Amino acid sequence: MNFESIIPIIQSYWIQIVIIVLLALLIKNIKAIILATAVVFLISYFGFLDFSNVDFSGIIEQVNYLIGGIEWQKLLVR
């Protein structure tokens, strides 16, 4: 497998790769990461995860809002 054959895979599955990386950063457990990877690719394979016309700016804004709220809660608990 050479580098040129990896580029189309990244181009077609970039959003799934991003979701898996974000889950990996949040979970930090190898079994859960493998399970999340399988679930994301199965869902996308059956067409339930079609991101062709989704507005990502609103999703990213909500994720940032949730992460910011979690960080503030951690600071307040300490």
C-alpha atoms as a PDB file:
ATOM      1  CA  MET A   1       0.000   0.000   0.000  1.00  0.00           C
ATOM      2  CA  ASN A   2       1.541   3.267  -1.083  1.00  0.00           C
ATOM      3  CA  PHE A   3       0.732   6.819  -0.087  1.00  0.00           C
ATOM      4  CA  GLU A   4      -1.240   7.577  -3.273  1.00  0.00           C
ATOM      5  CA  SER A   5      -3.761   4.865  -2.447  1.00  0.00           C
ATOM      6  CA  ILE A   6      -4.416   6.338   1.014  1.00  0.00           C
ATOM      7  CA  ILE A   7      -5.420   9.803  -0.270  1.00  0.00           C
ATOM      8  CA  PRO A   8      -8.790   8.733  -1.808  1.00  0.00           C
ATOM      9  CA  ILE A   9      -9.656   6.892   1.411  1.00  0.00           C
ATOM     10  CA  ILE A  10      -8.985  10.033   3.452  1.00  0.00           C
ATOM     11  CA  GLN A  11     -10.973  12.165   1.000  1.00  0.00           C
ATOM     12  CA  SER A  12     -14.021   9.920   1.117  1.00  0.00           C
ATOM     13  CA  TYR A  13     -13.999   9.170   4.854  1.00  0.00           C
ATOM     14  CA  TRP A  14     -12.609  12.394   6.335  1.00  0.00           C
ATOM     15  CA  ILE A  15     -15.634  13.173   8.504  1.00  0.00           C
ATOM     16  CA  GLN A  16     -15.682   9.647   9.910  1.00  0.00           C
ATOM     17  CA  ILE A  17     -11.962   9.933  10.658  1.00  0.00           C
ATOM     18  CA  VAL A  18     -12.556  13.252  12.444  1.00  0.00           C
ATOM     19  CA  ILE A  19     -15.390  11.749  14.514  1.00  0.00           C
ATOM     20  CA  ILE A  20     -13.226   8.784  15.491  1.00  0.00           C
ATOM     21  CA  VAL A  21     -10.305  11.030  16.479  1.00  0.00           C
ATOM     22  CA  LEU A  22     -12.602  13.216  18.597  1.00  0.00           C
ATOM     23  CA  LEU A  23     -14.068  10.134  20.270  1.00  0.00           C
ATOM     24  CA  ALA A  24     -10.571   8.798  20.877  1.00  0.00           C
ATOM     25  CA  LEU A  25      -9.555  12.056  22.539  1.00  0.00           C
ATOM     26  CA  LEU A  26     -12.657  12.010  24.726  1.00  0.00           C
ATOM     27  CA  ILE A  27     -12.684   8.310  25.603  1.00  0.00           C
ATOM     28  CA  LYS A  28      -8.981   7.357  25.940  1.00  0.00           C
ATOM     29  CA  ASN A  29      -9.850   3.653  26.107  1.00  0.00           C
ATOM     30  CA  ILE A  30      -8.631   1.346  23.330  1.00  0.00           C
ATOM     31  CA  LYS A  31     -11.610  -1.056  23.411  1.00  0.00           C
ATOM     32  CA  ALA A  32     -14.090   1.808  23.277  1.00  0.00           C
ATOM     33  CA  ILE A  33     -12.135   3.432  20.431  1.00  0.00           C
ATOM     34  CA  ILE A  34     -12.241   0.216  18.397  1.00  0.00           C
ATOM     35  CA  LEU A  35     -15.974  -0.119  19.066  1.00  0.00           C
ATOM     36  CA  ALA A  36     -16.596   3.527  18.130  1.00  0.00           C
ATOM     37  CA  THR A  37     -14.614   3.052  14.919  1.00  0.00           C
ATOM     38  CA  ALA A  38     -16.691   0.026  13.968  1.00  0.00           C
ATOM     39  CA  VAL A  39     -19.962   1.791  14.772  1.00  0.00           C
ATOM     40  CA  VAL A  40     -19.088   4.935  12.802  1.00  0.00           C
ATOM     41  CA  PHE A  41     -18.061   2.995   9.712  1.00  0.00           C
ATOM     42  CA  LEU A  42     -21.082   0.670   9.898  1.00  0.00           C
ATOM     43  CA  ILE A  43     -23.454   3.602  10.252  1.00  0.00           C
ATOM     44  CA  SER A  44     -21.823   5.414   7.347  1.00  0.00           C
ATOM     45  CA  TYR A  45     -21.823   2.224   5.254  1.00  0.00           C
ATOM     46  CA  PHE A  46     -25.572   1.830   5.618  1.00  0.00           C
ATOM     47  CA  GLY A  47     -26.126   5.500   4.792  1.00  0.00           C
ATOM     48  CA  PHE A  48     -27.287   6.792   8.154  1.00  0.00           C
ATOM     49  CA  LEU A  49     -24.296   9.116   8.431  1.00  0.00           C
ATOM     50  CA  ASP A  50     -24.645  11.196   5.266  1.00  0.00           C
ATOM     51  CA  PHE A  51     -22.921  14.520   5.836  1.00  0.00           C
ATOM     52  CA  SER A  52     -23.168  15.779   2.259  1.00  0.00           C
ATOM     53  CA  ASN A  53     -25.442  18.727   3.063  1.00  0.00           C
ATOM     54  CA  VAL A  54     -25.004  19.332   6.790  1.00  0.00           C
ATOM     55  CA  ASP A  55     -24.056  22.747   8.165  1.00  0.00           C
ATOM     56  CA  PHE A  56     -20.936  22.018  10.207  1.00  0.00           C
ATOM     57  CA  SER A  57     -20.578  25.527  11.637  1.00  0.00           C
ATOM     58  CA  GLY A  58     -23.595  25.037  13.897  1.00  0.00           C
ATOM     59  CA  ILE A  59     -22.424  21.600  14.989  1.00  0.00           C
ATOM     60  CA  ILE A  60     -18.917  22.854  15.768  1.00  0.00           C
ATOM     61  CA  GLU A  61     -20.381  25.785  17.687  1.00  0.00           C
ATOM     62  CA  GLN A  62     -22.529  23.438  19.808  1.00  0.00           C
ATOM     63  CA  VAL A  63     -19.564  21.142  20.504  1.00  0.00           C
ATOM     64  CA  ASN A  64     -17.440  24.105  21.581  1.00  0.00           C
ATOM     65  CA  TYR A  65     -20.290  25.309  23.802  1.00  0.00           C
ATOM     66  CA  LEU A  66     -20.604  21.883  25.452  1.00  0.00           C
ATOM     67  CA  ILE A  67     -16.854  21.508  25.970  1.00  0.00           C
ATOM     68  CA  GLY A  68     -16.643  25.025  27.389  1.00  0.00           C
ATOM     69  CA  GLY A  69     -19.494  24.260  29.786  1.00  0.00           C
ATOM     70  CA  ILE A  70     -17.810  21.067  30.931  1.00  0.00           C
ATOM     71  CA  GLU A  71     -14.533  22.905  31.540  1.00  0.00           C
ATOM     72  CA  TRP A  72     -16.311  25.568  33.600  1.00  0.00           C
ATOM     73  CA  GLN A  73     -18.034  22.883  35.667  1.00  0.00           C
ATOM     74  CA  LYS A  74     -14.670  21.252  36.350  1.00  0.00           C
ATOM     75  CA  LEU A  75     -13.249  24.581  37.498  1.00  0.00           C
ATOM     76  CA  LEU A  76     -16.242  25.288  39.735  1.00  0.00           C
ATOM     77  CA  VAL A  77     -16.090  21.846  41.357  1.00  0.00           C
ATOM     78  CA  ARG A  78     -12.441  22.306  42.276  1.00  0.00           C
END
